[in-house]
Amino acid sequence: SEIIEMCDGNLSLAEAKSRNQFIIDAVKLYDCVLHKDVNTNLLTPAFE
């Protein structure tokens, strides 16, 4: 329940329309973090 509350509390901050979208975005972000050596889609544009 604390994870669900965390998702719901951060919907507007993450600009997600639903809890489902928030979880999708979170999983994609975590995937980028796990593959940061081969996937620069997350950090490179922001750093540039």
ModelCIF file with pLDDT and N, C-alpha, C, O atoms, coordinates in Angstrom:
data_MODEL
#
_entry.id   MODEL 
#
_entity.id                         1 
_entity.type                       polymer 
_entity.pdbx_number_of_molecules   1 
#
_entity_poly.entity_id                      1 
_entity_poly.type                           'polypeptide(L)' 
_entity_poly.nstd_linkage                   no 
_entity_poly.nstd_monomer                   no 
_entity_poly.pdbx_seq_one_letter_code       SEIIEMCDGNLSLAEAKSRNQFIIDAVKLYDCVLHKDVNTNLLTPAFE 
_entity_poly.pdbx_seq_one_letter_code_can   SEIIEMCDGNLSLAEAKSRNQFIIDAVKLYDCVLHKDVNTNLLTPAFE 
_entity_poly.pdbx_strand_id                 A 
#
loop_
_entity_poly_seq.entity_id 
_entity_poly_seq.num 
_entity_poly_seq.mon_id 
_entity_poly_seq.hetero 
1 1  SER n 
1 2  GLU n 
1 3  ILE n 
1 4  ILE n 
1 5  GLU n 
1 6  MET n 
1 7  CYS n 
1 8  ASP n 
1 9  GLY n 
1 10 ASN n 
1 11 LEU n 
1 12 SER n 
1 13 LEU n 
1 14 ALA n 
1 15 GLU n 
1 16 ALA n 
1 17 LYS n 
1 18 SER n 
1 19 ARG n 
1 20 ASN n 
1 21 GLN n 
1 22 PHE n 
1 23 ILE n 
1 24 ILE n 
1 25 ASP n 
1 26 ALA n 
1 27 VAL n 
1 28 LYS n 
1 29 LEU n 
1 30 TYR n 
1 31 ASP n 
1 32 CYS n 
1 33 VAL n 
1 34 LEU n 
1 35 HIS n 
1 36 LYS n 
1 37 ASP n 
1 38 VAL n 
1 39 ASN n 
1 40 THR n 
1 41 ASN n 
1 42 LEU n 
1 43 LEU n 
1 44 THR n 
1 45 PRO n 
1 46 ALA n 
1 47 PHE n 
1 48 GLU n 
#
_struct_asym.id          A 
_struct_asym.entity_id   1 
#
loop_
_ma_qa_metric.id 
_ma_qa_metric.mode 
_ma_qa_metric.name 
_ma_qa_metric.software_group_id 
_ma_qa_metric.type 
1 global pLDDT . pLDDT 
2 local  pLDDT . pLDDT 
#
_ma_qa_metric_global.metric_id      1 
_ma_qa_metric_global.metric_value   82.25 
_ma_qa_metric_global.model_id       1 
_ma_qa_metric_global.ordinal_id     1 
#
loop_
_ma_qa_metric_local.label_asym_id 
_ma_qa_metric_local.label_comp_id 
_ma_qa_metric_local.label_seq_id 
_ma_qa_metric_local.metric_id 
_ma_qa_metric_local.metric_value 
_ma_qa_metric_local.model_id 
_ma_qa_metric_local.ordinal_id 
A SER 1  2 91.00 1 1  
A GLU 2  2 93.00 1 2  
A ILE 3  2 90.00 1 3  
A ILE 4  2 90.00 1 4  
A GLU 5  2 91.00 1 5  
A MET 6  2 91.00 1 6  
A CYS 7  2 89.00 1 7  
A ASP 8  2 91.00 1 8  
A GLY 9  2 92.00 1 9  
A ASN 10 2 90.00 1 10 
A LEU 11 2 89.00 1 11 
A SER 12 2 89.00 1 12 
A LEU 13 2 90.00 1 13 
A ALA 14 2 89.00 1 14 
A GLU 15 2 89.00 1 15 
A ALA 16 2 90.00 1 16 
A LYS 17 2 90.00 1 17 
A SER 18 2 90.00 1 18 
A ARG 19 2 90.00 1 19 
A ASN 20 2 90.00 1 20 
A GLN 21 2 91.00 1 21 
A PHE 22 2 91.00 1 22 
A ILE 23 2 91.00 1 23 
A ILE 24 2 90.00 1 24 
A ASP 25 2 90.00 1 25 
A ALA 26 2 90.00 1 26 
A VAL 27 2 90.00 1 27 
A LYS 28 2 88.00 1 28 
A LEU 29 2 86.00 1 29 
A TYR 30 2 87.00 1 30 
A ASP 31 2 83.00 1 31 
A CYS 32 2 76.00 1 32 
A VAL 33 2 76.00 1 33 
A LEU 34 2 80.00 1 34 
A HIS 35 2 76.00 1 35 
A LYS 36 2 70.00 1 36 
A ASP 37 2 64.00 1 37 
A VAL 38 2 61.00 1 38 
A ASN 39 2 56.00 1 39 
A THR 40 2 62.00 1 40 
A ASN 41 2 59.00 1 41 
A LEU 42 2 56.00 1 42 
A LEU 43 2 60.00 1 43 
A THR 44 2 70.00 1 44 
A PRO 45 2 72.00 1 45 
A ALA 46 2 73.00 1 46 
A PHE 47 2 78.00 1 47 
A GLU 48 2 78.00 1 48 
#
loop_
_atom_site.group_PDB 
_atom_site.id 
_atom_site.type_symbol 
_atom_site.label_atom_id 
_atom_site.label_alt_id 
_atom_site.label_comp_id 
_atom_site.label_asym_id 
_atom_site.label_entity_id 
_atom_site.label_seq_id 
_atom_site.pdbx_PDB_ins_code 
_atom_site.Cartn_x 
_atom_site.Cartn_y 
_atom_site.Cartn_z 
_atom_site.occupancy 
_atom_site.B_iso_or_equiv 
_atom_site.pdbx_formal_charge 
_atom_site.auth_seq_id 
_atom_site.auth_comp_id 
_atom_site.auth_asym_id 
_atom_site.auth_atom_id 
_atom_site.pdbx_PDB_model_num 
ATOM 1   N N  . SER A 1 1  ? 0.815  -1.215 0.000   1.00 91.00 ? 1  SER A N  1 
ATOM 2   C CA . SER A 1 1  ? 0.000  0.000  0.000   1.00 91.00 ? 1  SER A CA 1 
ATOM 3   C C  . SER A 1 1  ? 0.850  1.266  0.000   1.00 91.00 ? 1  SER A C  1 
ATOM 4   O O  . SER A 1 1  ? 0.429  2.280  -0.558  1.00 91.00 ? 1  SER A O  1 
ATOM 5   N N  . GLU A 1 2  ? 2.032  1.237  0.609   1.00 93.00 ? 2  GLU A N  1 
ATOM 6   C CA . GLU A 1 2  ? 2.890  2.428  0.606   1.00 93.00 ? 2  GLU A CA 1 
ATOM 7   C C  . GLU A 1 2  ? 3.403  2.754  -0.803  1.00 93.00 ? 2  GLU A C  1 
ATOM 8   O O  . GLU A 1 2  ? 3.598  3.924  -1.133  1.00 93.00 ? 2  GLU A O  1 
ATOM 9   N N  . ILE A 1 3  ? 3.621  1.734  -1.632  1.00 90.00 ? 3  ILE A N  1 
ATOM 10  C CA . ILE A 1 3  ? 4.042  1.962  -3.021  1.00 90.00 ? 3  ILE A CA 1 
ATOM 11  C C  . ILE A 1 3  ? 2.884  2.554  -3.821  1.00 90.00 ? 3  ILE A C  1 
ATOM 12  O O  . ILE A 1 3  ? 3.087  3.449  -4.642  1.00 90.00 ? 3  ILE A O  1 
ATOM 13  N N  . ILE A 1 4  ? 1.696  2.067  -3.588  1.00 90.00 ? 4  ILE A N  1 
ATOM 14  C CA . ILE A 1 4  ? 0.515  2.612  -4.276  1.00 90.00 ? 4  ILE A CA 1 
ATOM 15  C C  . ILE A 1 4  ? 0.319  4.072  -3.881  1.00 90.00 ? 4  ILE A C  1 
ATOM 16  O O  . ILE A 1 4  ? 0.025  4.911  -4.733  1.00 90.00 ? 4  ILE A O  1 
ATOM 17  N N  . GLU A 1 5  ? 0.478  4.378  -2.605  1.00 91.00 ? 5  GLU A N  1 
ATOM 18  C CA . GLU A 1 5  ? 0.366  5.770  -2.147  1.00 91.00 ? 5  GLU A CA 1 
ATOM 19  C C  . GLU A 1 5  ? 1.464  6.637  -2.766  1.00 91.00 ? 5  GLU A C  1 
ATOM 20  O O  . GLU A 1 5  ? 1.227  7.791  -3.123  1.00 91.00 ? 5  GLU A O  1 
ATOM 21  N N  . MET A 1 6  ? 2.652  6.078  -2.889  1.00 91.00 ? 6  MET A N  1 
ATOM 22  C CA . MET A 1 6  ? 3.755  6.805  -3.510  1.00 91.00 ? 6  MET A CA 1 
ATOM 23  C C  . MET A 1 6  ? 3.425  7.116  -4.976  1.00 91.00 ? 6  MET A C  1 
ATOM 24  O O  . MET A 1 6  ? 3.643  8.230  -5.450  1.00 91.00 ? 6  MET A O  1 
ATOM 25  N N  . CYS A 1 7  ? 2.908  6.134  -5.666  1.00 89.00 ? 7  CYS A N  1 
ATOM 26  C CA . CYS A 1 7  ? 2.507  6.338  -7.071  1.00 89.00 ? 7  CYS A CA 1 
ATOM 27  C C  . CYS A 1 7  ? 1.445  7.425  -7.169  1.00 89.00 ? 7  CYS A C  1 
ATOM 28  O O  . CYS A 1 7  ? 1.575  8.362  -7.956  1.00 89.00 ? 7  CYS A O  1 
ATOM 29  N N  . ASP A 1 8  ? 0.410  7.297  -6.377  1.00 91.00 ? 8  ASP A N  1 
ATOM 30  C CA . ASP A 1 8  ? -0.699 8.257  -6.434  1.00 91.00 ? 8  ASP A CA 1 
ATOM 31  C C  . ASP A 1 8  ? -0.238 9.660  -6.043  1.00 91.00 ? 8  ASP A C  1 
ATOM 32  O O  . ASP A 1 8  ? -0.695 10.648 -6.617  1.00 91.00 ? 8  ASP A O  1 
ATOM 33  N N  . GLY A 1 9  ? 0.652  9.748  -5.083  1.00 92.00 ? 9  GLY A N  1 
ATOM 34  C CA . GLY A 1 9  ? 1.125  11.052 -4.622  1.00 92.00 ? 9  GLY A CA 1 
ATOM 35  C C  . GLY A 1 9  ? 2.035  11.754 -5.615  1.00 92.00 ? 9  GLY A C  1 
ATOM 36  O O  . GLY A 1 9  ? 2.207  12.971 -5.550  1.00 92.00 ? 9  GLY A O  1 
ATOM 37  N N  . ASN A 1 10 ? 2.617  10.996 -6.533  1.00 90.00 ? 10 ASN A N  1 
ATOM 38  C CA . ASN A 1 10 ? 3.568  11.576 -7.487  1.00 90.00 ? 10 ASN A CA 1 
ATOM 39  C C  . ASN A 1 10 ? 3.028  11.662 -8.908  1.00 90.00 ? 10 ASN A C  1 
ATOM 40  O O  . ASN A 1 10 ? 3.785  11.960 -9.833  1.00 90.00 ? 10 ASN A O  1 
ATOM 41  N N  . LEU A 1 11 ? 1.753  11.411 -9.101  1.00 89.00 ? 11 LEU A N  1 
ATOM 42  C CA . LEU A 1 11 ? 1.179  11.434 -10.454 1.00 89.00 ? 11 LEU A CA 1 
ATOM 43  C C  . LEU A 1 11 ? 1.386  12.791 -11.122 1.00 89.00 ? 11 LEU A C  1 
ATOM 44  O O  . LEU A 1 11 ? 1.850  12.860 -12.260 1.00 89.00 ? 11 LEU A O  1 
ATOM 45  N N  . SER A 1 12 ? 1.048  13.853 -10.426 1.00 89.00 ? 12 SER A N  1 
ATOM 46  C CA . SER A 1 12 ? 1.163  15.178 -11.043 1.00 89.00 ? 12 SER A CA 1 
ATOM 47  C C  . SER A 1 12 ? 2.631  15.560 -11.254 1.00 89.00 ? 12 SER A C  1 
ATOM 48  O O  . SER A 1 12 ? 2.968  16.186 -12.260 1.00 89.00 ? 12 SER A O  1 
ATOM 49  N N  . LEU A 1 13 ? 3.497  15.192 -10.321 1.00 90.00 ? 13 LEU A N  1 
ATOM 50  C CA . LEU A 1 13 ? 4.912  15.494 -10.458 1.00 90.00 ? 13 LEU A CA 1 
ATOM 51  C C  . LEU A 1 13 ? 5.514  14.782 -11.672 1.00 90.00 ? 13 LEU A C  1 
ATOM 52  O O  . LEU A 1 13 ? 6.352  15.343 -12.378 1.00 90.00 ? 13 LEU A O  1 
ATOM 53  N N  . ALA A 1 14 ? 5.086  13.561 -11.902 1.00 89.00 ? 14 ALA A N  1 
ATOM 54  C CA . ALA A 1 14 ? 5.589  12.778 -13.028 1.00 89.00 ? 14 ALA A CA 1 
ATOM 55  C C  . ALA A 1 14 ? 4.823  13.064 -14.316 1.00 89.00 ? 14 ALA A C  1 
ATOM 56  O O  . ALA A 1 14 ? 5.147  12.516 -15.369 1.00 89.00 ? 14 ALA A O  1 
ATOM 57  N N  . GLU A 1 15 ? 3.808  13.921 -14.233 1.00 89.00 ? 15 GLU A N  1 
ATOM 58  C CA . GLU A 1 15 ? 2.957  14.250 -15.371 1.00 89.00 ? 15 GLU A CA 1 
ATOM 59  C C  . GLU A 1 15 ? 2.337  12.993 -15.989 1.00 89.00 ? 15 GLU A C  1 
ATOM 60  O O  . GLU A 1 15 ? 2.215  12.873 -17.208 1.00 89.00 ? 15 GLU A O  1 
ATOM 61  N N  . ALA A 1 16 ? 1.954  12.073 -15.126 1.00 90.00 ? 16 ALA A N  1 
ATOM 62  C CA . ALA A 1 16 ? 1.297  10.836 -15.555 1.00 90.00 ? 16 ALA A CA 1 
ATOM 63  C C  . ALA A 1 16 ? -0.213 10.997 -15.379 1.00 90.00 ? 16 ALA A C  1 
ATOM 64  O O  . ALA A 1 16 ? -0.673 11.585 -14.400 1.00 90.00 ? 16 ALA A O  1 
ATOM 65  N N  . LYS A 1 17 ? -0.968 10.475 -16.327 1.00 90.00 ? 17 LYS A N  1 
ATOM 66  C CA . LYS A 1 17 ? -2.424 10.605 -16.275 1.00 90.00 ? 17 LYS A CA 1 
ATOM 67  C C  . LYS A 1 17 ? -3.069 9.572  -15.355 1.00 90.00 ? 17 LYS A C  1 
ATOM 68  O O  . LYS A 1 17 ? -4.198 9.752  -14.899 1.00 90.00 ? 17 LYS A O  1 
ATOM 69  N N  . SER A 1 18 ? -2.350 8.504  -15.091 1.00 90.00 ? 18 SER A N  1 
ATOM 70  C CA . SER A 1 18 ? -2.914 7.446  -14.254 1.00 90.00 ? 18 SER A CA 1 
ATOM 71  C C  . SER A 1 18 ? -1.794 6.720  -13.524 1.00 90.00 ? 18 SER A C  1 
ATOM 72  O O  . SER A 1 18 ? -0.611 6.880  -13.824 1.00 90.00 ? 18 SER A O  1 
ATOM 73  N N  . ARG A 1 19 ? -2.219 5.908  -12.546 1.00 90.00 ? 19 ARG A N  1 
ATOM 74  C CA . ARG A 1 19 ? -1.259 5.085  -11.814 1.00 90.00 ? 19 ARG A CA 1 
ATOM 75  C C  . ARG A 1 19 ? -0.572 4.126  -12.776 1.00 90.00 ? 19 ARG A C  1 
ATOM 76  O O  . ARG A 1 19 ? 0.624  3.863  -12.652 1.00 90.00 ? 19 ARG A O  1 
ATOM 77  N N  . ASN A 1 20 ? -1.314 3.617  -13.715 1.00 90.00 ? 20 ASN A N  1 
ATOM 78  C CA . ASN A 1 20 ? -0.791 2.697  -14.715 1.00 90.00 ? 20 ASN A CA 1 
ATOM 79  C C  . ASN A 1 20 ? 0.330  3.370  -15.521 1.00 90.00 ? 20 ASN A C  1 
ATOM 80  O O  . ASN A 1 20 ? 1.394  2.785  -15.726 1.00 90.00 ? 20 ASN A O  1 
ATOM 81  N N  . GLN A 1 21 ? 0.077  4.601  -15.974 1.00 91.00 ? 21 GLN A N  1 
ATOM 82  C CA . GLN A 1 21 ? 1.086  5.325  -16.746 1.00 91.00 ? 21 GLN A CA 1 
ATOM 83  C C  . GLN A 1 21 ? 2.316  5.616  -15.892 1.00 91.00 ? 21 GLN A C  1 
ATOM 84  O O  . GLN A 1 21 ? 3.445  5.543  -16.378 1.00 91.00 ? 21 GLN A O  1 
ATOM 85  N N  . PHE A 1 22 ? 2.100  5.941  -14.633 1.00 91.00 ? 22 PHE A N  1 
ATOM 86  C CA . PHE A 1 22 ? 3.207  6.189  -13.708 1.00 91.00 ? 22 PHE A CA 1 
ATOM 87  C C  . PHE A 1 22 ? 4.087  4.944  -13.592 1.00 91.00 ? 22 PHE A C  1 
ATOM 88  O O  . PHE A 1 22 ? 5.312  5.046  -13.653 1.00 91.00 ? 22 PHE A O  1 
ATOM 89  N N  . ILE A 1 23 ? 3.478  3.785  -13.428 1.00 91.00 ? 23 ILE A N  1 
ATOM 90  C CA . ILE A 1 23 ? 4.229  2.535  -13.280 1.00 91.00 ? 23 ILE A CA 1 
ATOM 91  C C  . ILE A 1 23 ? 4.968  2.203  -14.577 1.00 91.00 ? 23 ILE A C  1 
ATOM 92  O O  . ILE A 1 23 ? 6.106  1.734  -14.537 1.00 91.00 ? 23 ILE A O  1 
ATOM 93  N N  . ILE A 1 24 ? 4.328  2.445  -15.735 1.00 90.00 ? 24 ILE A N  1 
ATOM 94  C CA . ILE A 1 24 ? 4.993  2.201  -17.018 1.00 90.00 ? 24 ILE A CA 1 
ATOM 95  C C  . ILE A 1 24 ? 6.244  3.070  -17.133 1.00 90.00 ? 24 ILE A C  1 
ATOM 96  O O  . ILE A 1 24 ? 7.320  2.590  -17.487 1.00 90.00 ? 24 ILE A O  1 
ATOM 97  N N  . ASP A 1 25 ? 6.081  4.369  -16.823 1.00 90.00 ? 25 ASP A N  1 
ATOM 98  C CA . ASP A 1 25 ? 7.221  5.286  -16.898 1.00 90.00 ? 25 ASP A CA 1 
ATOM 99  C C  . ASP A 1 25 ? 8.318  4.895  -15.911 1.00 90.00 ? 25 ASP A C  1 
ATOM 100 O O  . ASP A 1 25 ? 9.504  4.978  -16.232 1.00 90.00 ? 25 ASP A O  1 
ATOM 101 N N  . ALA A 1 26 ? 7.923  4.471  -14.712 1.00 90.00 ? 26 ALA A N  1 
ATOM 102 C CA . ALA A 1 26 ? 8.899  4.069  -13.699 1.00 90.00 ? 26 ALA A CA 1 
ATOM 103 C C  . ALA A 1 26 ? 9.673  2.831  -14.143 1.00 90.00 ? 26 ALA A C  1 
ATOM 104 O O  . ALA A 1 26 ? 10.882 2.746  -13.927 1.00 90.00 ? 26 ALA A O  1 
ATOM 105 N N  . VAL A 1 27 ? 8.997  1.887  -14.751 1.00 90.00 ? 27 VAL A N  1 
ATOM 106 C CA . VAL A 1 27 ? 9.667  0.665  -15.221 1.00 90.00 ? 27 VAL A CA 1 
ATOM 107 C C  . VAL A 1 27 ? 10.628 1.001  -16.358 1.00 90.00 ? 27 VAL A C  1 
ATOM 108 O O  . VAL A 1 27 ? 11.731 0.457  -16.424 1.00 90.00 ? 27 VAL A O  1 
ATOM 109 N N  . LYS A 1 28 ? 10.209 1.902  -17.259 1.00 88.00 ? 28 LYS A N  1 
ATOM 110 C CA . LYS A 1 28 ? 11.097 2.307  -18.360 1.00 88.00 ? 28 LYS A CA 1 
ATOM 111 C C  . LYS A 1 28 ? 12.336 3.018  -17.815 1.00 88.00 ? 28 LYS A C  1 
ATOM 112 O O  . LYS A 1 28 ? 13.451 2.781  -18.280 1.00 88.00 ? 28 LYS A O  1 
ATOM 113 N N  . LEU A 1 29 ? 12.134 3.878  -16.838 1.00 86.00 ? 29 LEU A N  1 
ATOM 114 C CA . LEU A 1 29 ? 13.254 4.591  -16.225 1.00 86.00 ? 29 LEU A CA 1 
ATOM 115 C C  . LEU A 1 29 ? 14.208 3.610  -15.550 1.00 86.00 ? 29 LEU A C  1 
ATOM 116 O O  . LEU A 1 29 ? 15.425 3.716  -15.702 1.00 86.00 ? 29 LEU A O  1 
ATOM 117 N N  . TYR A 1 30 ? 13.657 2.667  -14.813 1.00 87.00 ? 30 TYR A N  1 
ATOM 118 C CA . TYR A 1 30 ? 14.492 1.694  -14.129 1.00 87.00 ? 30 TYR A CA 1 
ATOM 119 C C  . TYR A 1 30 ? 15.263 0.834  -15.133 1.00 87.00 ? 30 TYR A C  1 
ATOM 120 O O  . TYR A 1 30 ? 16.415 0.474  -14.896 1.00 87.00 ? 30 TYR A O  1 
ATOM 121 N N  . ASP A 1 31 ? 14.619 0.512  -16.251 1.00 83.00 ? 31 ASP A N  1 
ATOM 122 C CA . ASP A 1 31 ? 15.291 -0.243 -17.307 1.00 83.00 ? 31 ASP A CA 1 
ATOM 123 C C  . ASP A 1 31 ? 16.466 0.560  -17.870 1.00 83.00 ? 31 ASP A C  1 
ATOM 124 O O  . ASP A 1 31 ? 17.535 0.005  -18.124 1.00 83.00 ? 31 ASP A O  1 
ATOM 125 N N  . CYS A 1 32 ? 16.267 1.860  -18.062 1.00 76.00 ? 32 CYS A N  1 
ATOM 126 C CA . CYS A 1 32 ? 17.363 2.719  -18.541 1.00 76.00 ? 32 CYS A CA 1 
ATOM 127 C C  . CYS A 1 32 ? 18.502 2.752  -17.538 1.00 76.00 ? 32 CYS A C  1 
ATOM 128 O O  . CYS A 1 32 ? 19.672 2.716  -17.921 1.00 76.00 ? 32 CYS A O  1 
ATOM 129 N N  . VAL A 1 33 ? 18.168 2.821  -16.257 1.00 76.00 ? 33 VAL A N  1 
ATOM 130 C CA . VAL A 1 33 ? 19.201 2.842  -15.220 1.00 76.00 ? 33 VAL A CA 1 
ATOM 131 C C  . VAL A 1 33 ? 19.984 1.536  -15.226 1.00 76.00 ? 33 VAL A C  1 
ATOM 132 O O  . VAL A 1 33 ? 21.210 1.549  -15.115 1.00 76.00 ? 33 VAL A O  1 
ATOM 133 N N  . LEU A 1 34 ? 19.298 0.424  -15.352 1.00 80.00 ? 34 LEU A N  1 
ATOM 134 C CA . LEU A 1 34 ? 19.969 -0.875 -15.371 1.00 80.00 ? 34 LEU A CA 1 
ATOM 135 C C  . LEU A 1 34 ? 20.876 -1.033 -16.594 1.00 80.00 ? 34 LEU A C  1 
ATOM 136 O O  . LEU A 1 34 ? 21.904 -1.707 -16.526 1.00 80.00 ? 34 LEU A O  1 
ATOM 137 N N  . HIS A 1 35 ? 20.497 -0.419 -17.693 1.00 76.00 ? 35 HIS A N  1 
ATOM 138 C CA . HIS A 1 35 ? 21.258 -0.549 -18.937 1.00 76.00 ? 35 HIS A CA 1 
ATOM 139 C C  . HIS A 1 35 ? 21.966 0.752  -19.300 1.00 76.00 ? 35 HIS A C  1 
ATOM 140 O O  . HIS A 1 35 ? 22.140 1.051  -20.482 1.00 76.00 ? 35 HIS A O  1 
ATOM 141 N N  . LYS A 1 36 ? 22.368 1.514  -18.318 1.00 70.00 ? 36 LYS A N  1 
ATOM 142 C CA . LYS A 1 36 ? 22.940 2.840  -18.568 1.00 70.00 ? 36 LYS A CA 1 
ATOM 143 C C  . LYS A 1 36 ? 24.204 2.796  -19.410 1.00 70.00 ? 36 LYS A C  1 
ATOM 144 O O  . LYS A 1 36 ? 24.499 3.766  -20.108 1.00 70.00 ? 36 LYS A O  1 
ATOM 145 N N  . ASP A 1 37 ? 24.958 1.710  -19.370 1.00 64.00 ? 37 ASP A N  1 
ATOM 146 C CA . ASP A 1 37 ? 26.182 1.630  -20.160 1.00 64.00 ? 37 ASP A CA 1 
ATOM 147 C C  . ASP A 1 37 ? 25.893 1.523  -21.651 1.00 64.00 ? 37 ASP A C  1 
ATOM 148 O O  . ASP A 1 37 ? 26.671 2.009  -22.472 1.00 64.00 ? 37 ASP A O  1 
ATOM 149 N N  . VAL A 1 38 ? 24.789 0.894  -22.003 1.00 61.00 ? 38 VAL A N  1 
ATOM 150 C CA . VAL A 1 38 ? 24.459 0.724  -23.423 1.00 61.00 ? 38 VAL A CA 1 
ATOM 151 C C  . VAL A 1 38 ? 23.318 1.618  -23.868 1.00 61.00 ? 38 VAL A C  1 
ATOM 152 O O  . VAL A 1 38 ? 23.129 1.814  -25.069 1.00 61.00 ? 38 VAL A O  1 
ATOM 153 N N  . ASN A 1 39 ? 22.559 2.160  -22.942 1.00 56.00 ? 39 ASN A N  1 
ATOM 154 C CA . ASN A 1 39 ? 21.406 2.986  -23.286 1.00 56.00 ? 39 ASN A CA 1 
ATOM 155 C C  . ASN A 1 39 ? 21.618 4.400  -22.765 1.00 56.00 ? 39 ASN A C  1 
ATOM 156 O O  . ASN A 1 39 ? 21.566 4.632  -21.557 1.00 56.00 ? 39 ASN A O  1 
ATOM 157 N N  . THR A 1 40 ? 21.853 5.329  -23.654 1.00 62.00 ? 40 THR A N  1 
ATOM 158 C CA . THR A 1 40 ? 22.090 6.708  -23.246 1.00 62.00 ? 40 THR A CA 1 
ATOM 159 C C  . THR A 1 40 ? 20.867 7.586  -23.485 1.00 62.00 ? 40 THR A C  1 
ATOM 160 O O  . THR A 1 40 ? 20.971 8.811  -23.420 1.00 62.00 ? 40 THR A O  1 
ATOM 161 N N  . ASN A 1 41 ? 19.734 6.997  -23.754 1.00 59.00 ? 41 ASN A N  1 
ATOM 162 C CA . ASN A 1 41 ? 18.518 7.772  -24.032 1.00 59.00 ? 41 ASN A CA 1 
ATOM 163 C C  . ASN A 1 41 ? 18.064 8.577  -22.822 1.00 59.00 ? 41 ASN A C  1 
ATOM 164 O O  . ASN A 1 41 ? 17.415 9.611  -22.981 1.00 59.00 ? 41 ASN A O  1 
ATOM 165 N N  . LEU A 1 42 ? 18.388 8.130  -21.633 1.00 56.00 ? 42 LEU A N  1 
ATOM 166 C CA . LEU A 1 42 ? 17.916 8.789  -20.423 1.00 56.00 ? 42 LEU A CA 1 
ATOM 167 C C  . LEU A 1 42 ? 18.733 10.024 -20.068 1.00 56.00 ? 42 LEU A C  1 
ATOM 168 O O  . LEU A 1 42 ? 18.168 11.100 -19.870 1.00 56.00 ? 42 LEU A O  1 
ATOM 169 N N  . LEU A 1 43 ? 20.047 9.886  -19.986 1.00 60.00 ? 43 LEU A N  1 
ATOM 170 C CA . LEU A 1 43 ? 20.872 10.949 -19.457 1.00 60.00 ? 43 LEU A CA 1 
ATOM 171 C C  . LEU A 1 43 ? 21.520 11.849 -20.501 1.00 60.00 ? 43 LEU A C  1 
ATOM 172 O O  . LEU A 1 43 ? 21.660 13.050 -20.269 1.00 60.00 ? 43 LEU A O  1 
ATOM 173 N N  . THR A 1 44 ? 21.915 11.303 -21.636 1.00 70.00 ? 44 THR A N  1 
ATOM 174 C CA . THR A 1 44 ? 22.675 12.073 -22.607 1.00 70.00 ? 44 THR A CA 1 
ATOM 175 C C  . THR A 1 44 ? 21.969 13.342 -23.064 1.00 70.00 ? 44 THR A C  1 
ATOM 176 O O  . THR A 1 44 ? 22.589 14.405 -23.026 1.00 70.00 ? 44 THR A O  1 
ATOM 177 N N  . PRO A 1 45 ? 20.718 13.296 -23.490 1.00 72.00 ? 45 PRO A N  1 
ATOM 178 C CA . PRO A 1 45 ? 20.085 14.547 -23.940 1.00 72.00 ? 45 PRO A CA 1 
ATOM 179 C C  . PRO A 1 45 ? 19.992 15.591 -22.831 1.00 72.00 ? 45 PRO A C  1 
ATOM 180 O O  . PRO A 1 45 ? 20.183 16.781 -23.083 1.00 72.00 ? 45 PRO A O  1 
ATOM 181 N N  . ALA A 1 46 ? 19.705 15.162 -21.626 1.00 73.00 ? 46 ALA A N  1 
ATOM 182 C CA . ALA A 1 46 ? 19.603 16.105 -20.516 1.00 73.00 ? 46 ALA A CA 1 
ATOM 183 C C  . ALA A 1 46 ? 20.966 16.740 -20.222 1.00 73.00 ? 46 ALA A C  1 
ATOM 184 O O  . ALA A 1 46 ? 21.058 17.953 -20.037 1.00 73.00 ? 46 ALA A O  1 
ATOM 185 N N  . PHE A 1 47 ? 22.010 15.932 -20.179 1.00 78.00 ? 47 PHE A N  1 
ATOM 186 C CA . PHE A 1 47 ? 23.345 16.458 -19.937 1.00 78.00 ? 47 PHE A CA 1 
ATOM 187 C C  . PHE A 1 47 ? 23.792 17.386 -21.062 1.00 78.00 ? 47 PHE A C  1 
ATOM 188 O O  . PHE A 1 47 ? 24.375 18.440 -20.809 1.00 78.00 ? 47 PHE A O  1 
ATOM 189 N N  . GLU A 1 48 ? 23.517 16.990 -22.302 1.00 78.00 ? 48 GLU A N  1 
ATOM 190 C CA . GLU A 1 48 ? 23.896 17.825 -23.438 1.00 78.00 ? 48 GLU A CA 1 
ATOM 191 C C  . GLU A 1 48 ? 23.226 19.189 -23.345 1.00 78.00 ? 48 GLU A C  1 
ATOM 192 O O  . GLU A 1 48 ? 23.425 20.035 -24.217 1.00 78.00 ? 48 GLU A O  1 
#
